[in-house]
Amino acid sequence: MSQGEAPETVTDLEGLVIGASPAGALTLDDVADVESVDELVRITRIDGQRSASITAVPTGDNLGALTADLTQRLADLDGPRA
């Protein structure tokens, strides 16, 4: 991840490069469904650092496997670390 100009549209956000894969750049759209929703604007901080929350609705019954898979995928991403 890098800092720079903020995405202005959903399409811009979908194309945000969040890491790398064997096939090349990994974009947010590769790992998530991005949609615009109405919600109050807020900035959340943890120990003074800005944080982002990601929510998901699992489609299967094996939450343990889902958690393990997501944890591994997040660990494999190049990005800021706490």
C-alpha atoms as a PDB file:
ATOM      1  CA  MET A   1       0.000   0.000   0.000  1.00  0.00           C
ATOM      2  CA  SER A   2       1.142   3.504  -0.560  1.00  0.00           C
ATOM      3  CA  GLN A   3      -0.090   6.904   0.363  1.00  0.00           C
ATOM      4  CA  GLY A   4      -1.090   9.329  -2.321  1.00  0.00           C
ATOM      5  CA  GLU A   5      -4.264  10.668  -3.809  1.00  0.00           C
ATOM      6  CA  ALA A   6      -7.390   9.123  -2.350  1.00  0.00           C
ATOM      7  CA  PRO A   7      -9.580   7.143  -4.746  1.00  0.00           C
ATOM      8  CA  GLU A   8     -12.535   9.254  -5.859  1.00  0.00           C
ATOM      9  CA  THR A   9     -14.845   6.581  -7.269  1.00  0.00           C
ATOM     10  CA  VAL A  10     -15.731   2.965  -6.537  1.00  0.00           C
ATOM     11  CA  THR A  11     -13.874   2.025  -9.733  1.00  0.00           C
ATOM     12  CA  ASP A  12     -10.756   3.840  -8.491  1.00  0.00           C
ATOM     13  CA  LEU A  13     -11.034   2.010  -5.172  1.00  0.00           C
ATOM     14  CA  GLU A  14     -11.481  -1.361  -6.869  1.00  0.00           C
ATOM     15  CA  GLY A  15      -8.258  -0.757  -8.786  1.00  0.00           C
ATOM     16  CA  LEU A  16      -6.259   0.119  -5.655  1.00  0.00           C
ATOM     17  CA  VAL A  17      -3.128  -2.040  -5.584  1.00  0.00           C
ATOM     18  CA  ILE A  18      -2.903  -3.685  -2.158  1.00  0.00           C
ATOM     19  CA  GLY A  19      -0.157  -6.231  -2.737  1.00  0.00           C
ATOM     20  CA  ALA A  20       1.424  -8.613  -5.175  1.00  0.00           C
ATOM     21  CA  SER A  21       0.655 -12.128  -6.327  1.00  0.00           C
ATOM     22  CA  PRO A  22       2.441 -14.555  -8.637  1.00  0.00           C
ATOM     23  CA  ALA A  23       0.226 -13.181 -11.438  1.00  0.00           C
ATOM     24  CA  GLY A  24       1.244  -9.565 -10.753  1.00  0.00           C
ATOM     25  CA  ALA A  25      -0.362  -6.689  -8.896  1.00  0.00           C
ATOM     26  CA  LEU A  26      -3.134  -7.621  -6.457  1.00  0.00           C
ATOM     27  CA  THR A  27      -5.986  -5.106  -6.424  1.00  0.00           C
ATOM     28  CA  LEU A  28      -8.717  -4.625  -3.868  1.00  0.00           C
ATOM     29  CA  ASP A  29     -11.238  -5.891  -6.431  1.00  0.00           C
ATOM     30  CA  ASP A  30      -9.300  -9.187  -6.596  1.00  0.00           C
ATOM     31  CA  VAL A  31     -10.078  -9.938  -2.947  1.00  0.00           C
ATOM     32  CA  ALA A  32     -13.276  -8.014  -2.164  1.00  0.00           C
ATOM     33  CA  ASP A  33     -16.594  -6.836  -3.507  1.00  0.00           C
ATOM     34  CA  VAL A  34     -16.444  -3.056  -3.294  1.00  0.00           C
ATOM     35  CA  GLU A  35     -19.634  -1.065  -2.984  1.00  0.00           C
ATOM     36  CA  SER A  36     -20.657   2.397  -1.902  1.00  0.00           C
ATOM     37  CA  VAL A  37     -22.888   2.621   1.165  1.00  0.00           C
ATOM     38  CA  ASP A  38     -24.196   5.557   3.169  1.00  0.00           C
ATOM     39  CA  GLU A  39     -22.616   5.689   6.614  1.00  0.00           C
ATOM     40  CA  LEU A  40     -21.405   8.318   9.026  1.00  0.00           C
ATOM     41  CA  VAL A  41     -17.841   9.445   8.363  1.00  0.00           C
ATOM     42  CA  ARG A  42     -15.413   8.665  11.155  1.00  0.00           C
ATOM     43  CA  ILE A  43     -11.709   8.086  11.637  1.00  0.00           C
ATOM     44  CA  THR A  44     -10.794   5.300  14.017  1.00  0.00           C
ATOM     45  CA  ARG A  45      -7.419   5.166  15.762  1.00  0.00           C
ATOM     46  CA  ILE A  46      -5.755   2.386  17.695  1.00  0.00           C
ATOM     47  CA  ASP A  47      -2.850   3.542  19.876  1.00  0.00           C
ATOM     48  CA  GLY A  48      -2.773   6.792  17.904  1.00  0.00           C
ATOM     49  CA  GLN A  49      -2.531   5.069  14.505  1.00  0.00           C
ATOM     50  CA  ARG A  50      -5.327   5.307  11.926  1.00  0.00           C
ATOM     51  CA  SER A  51      -7.073   1.992  11.423  1.00  0.00           C
ATOM     52  CA  ALA A  52      -9.505   0.509   8.946  1.00  0.00           C
ATOM     53  CA  SER A  53     -12.251  -1.993   9.623  1.00  0.00           C
ATOM     54  CA  ILE A  54     -13.214  -4.663   7.147  1.00  0.00           C
ATOM     55  CA  THR A  55     -16.507  -6.499   7.465  1.00  0.00           C
ATOM     56  CA  ALA A  56     -17.546  -9.662   5.722  1.00  0.00           C
ATOM     57  CA  VAL A  57     -20.521 -11.985   5.541  1.00  0.00           C
ATOM     58  CA  PRO A  58     -19.302 -15.579   5.303  1.00  0.00           C
ATOM     59  CA  THR A  59     -21.049 -17.758   2.750  1.00  0.00           C
ATOM     60  CA  GLY A  60     -20.027 -21.129   4.199  1.00  0.00           C
ATOM     61  CA  ASP A  61     -20.283 -22.945   7.520  1.00  0.00           C
ATOM     62  CA  ASN A  62     -16.578 -23.481   8.276  1.00  0.00           C
ATOM     63  CA  LEU A  63     -15.667 -20.238  10.056  1.00  0.00           C
ATOM     64  CA  GLY A  64     -12.398 -21.696  11.356  1.00  0.00           C
ATOM     65  CA  ALA A  65     -11.124 -22.377   7.835  1.00  0.00           C
ATOM     66  CA  LEU A  66     -12.341 -18.966   6.662  1.00  0.00           C
ATOM     67  CA  THR A  67     -10.532 -17.228   9.530  1.00  0.00           C
ATOM     68  CA  ALA A  68      -7.326 -19.154   8.858  1.00  0.00           C
ATOM     69  CA  ASP A  69      -7.490 -18.354   5.136  1.00  0.00           C
ATOM     70  CA  LEU A  70      -8.119 -14.636   5.694  1.00  0.00           C
ATOM     71  CA  THR A  71      -5.381 -14.424   8.334  1.00  0.00           C
ATOM     72  CA  GLN A  72      -2.887 -16.004   5.924  1.00  0.00           C
ATOM     73  CA  ARG A  73      -3.919 -13.788   3.001  1.00  0.00           C
ATOM     74  CA  LEU A  74      -3.587 -10.652   5.129  1.00  0.00           C
ATOM     75  CA  ALA A  75      -0.192 -11.785   6.405  1.00  0.00           C
ATOM     76  CA  ASP A  76       0.987 -12.277   2.812  1.00  0.00           C
ATOM     77  CA  LEU A  77       0.124  -8.684   1.813  1.00  0.00           C
ATOM     78  CA  ASP A  78       2.823  -6.051   1.579  1.00  0.00           C
ATOM     79  CA  GLY A  79       1.637  -3.084   3.580  1.00  0.00           C
ATOM     80  CA  PRO A  80       1.997  -1.150   6.787  1.00  0.00           C
ATOM     81  CA  ARG A  81       2.328  -3.220   9.929  1.00  0.00           C
ATOM     82  CA  ALA A  82       1.581  -2.344  13.520  1.00  0.00           C
END
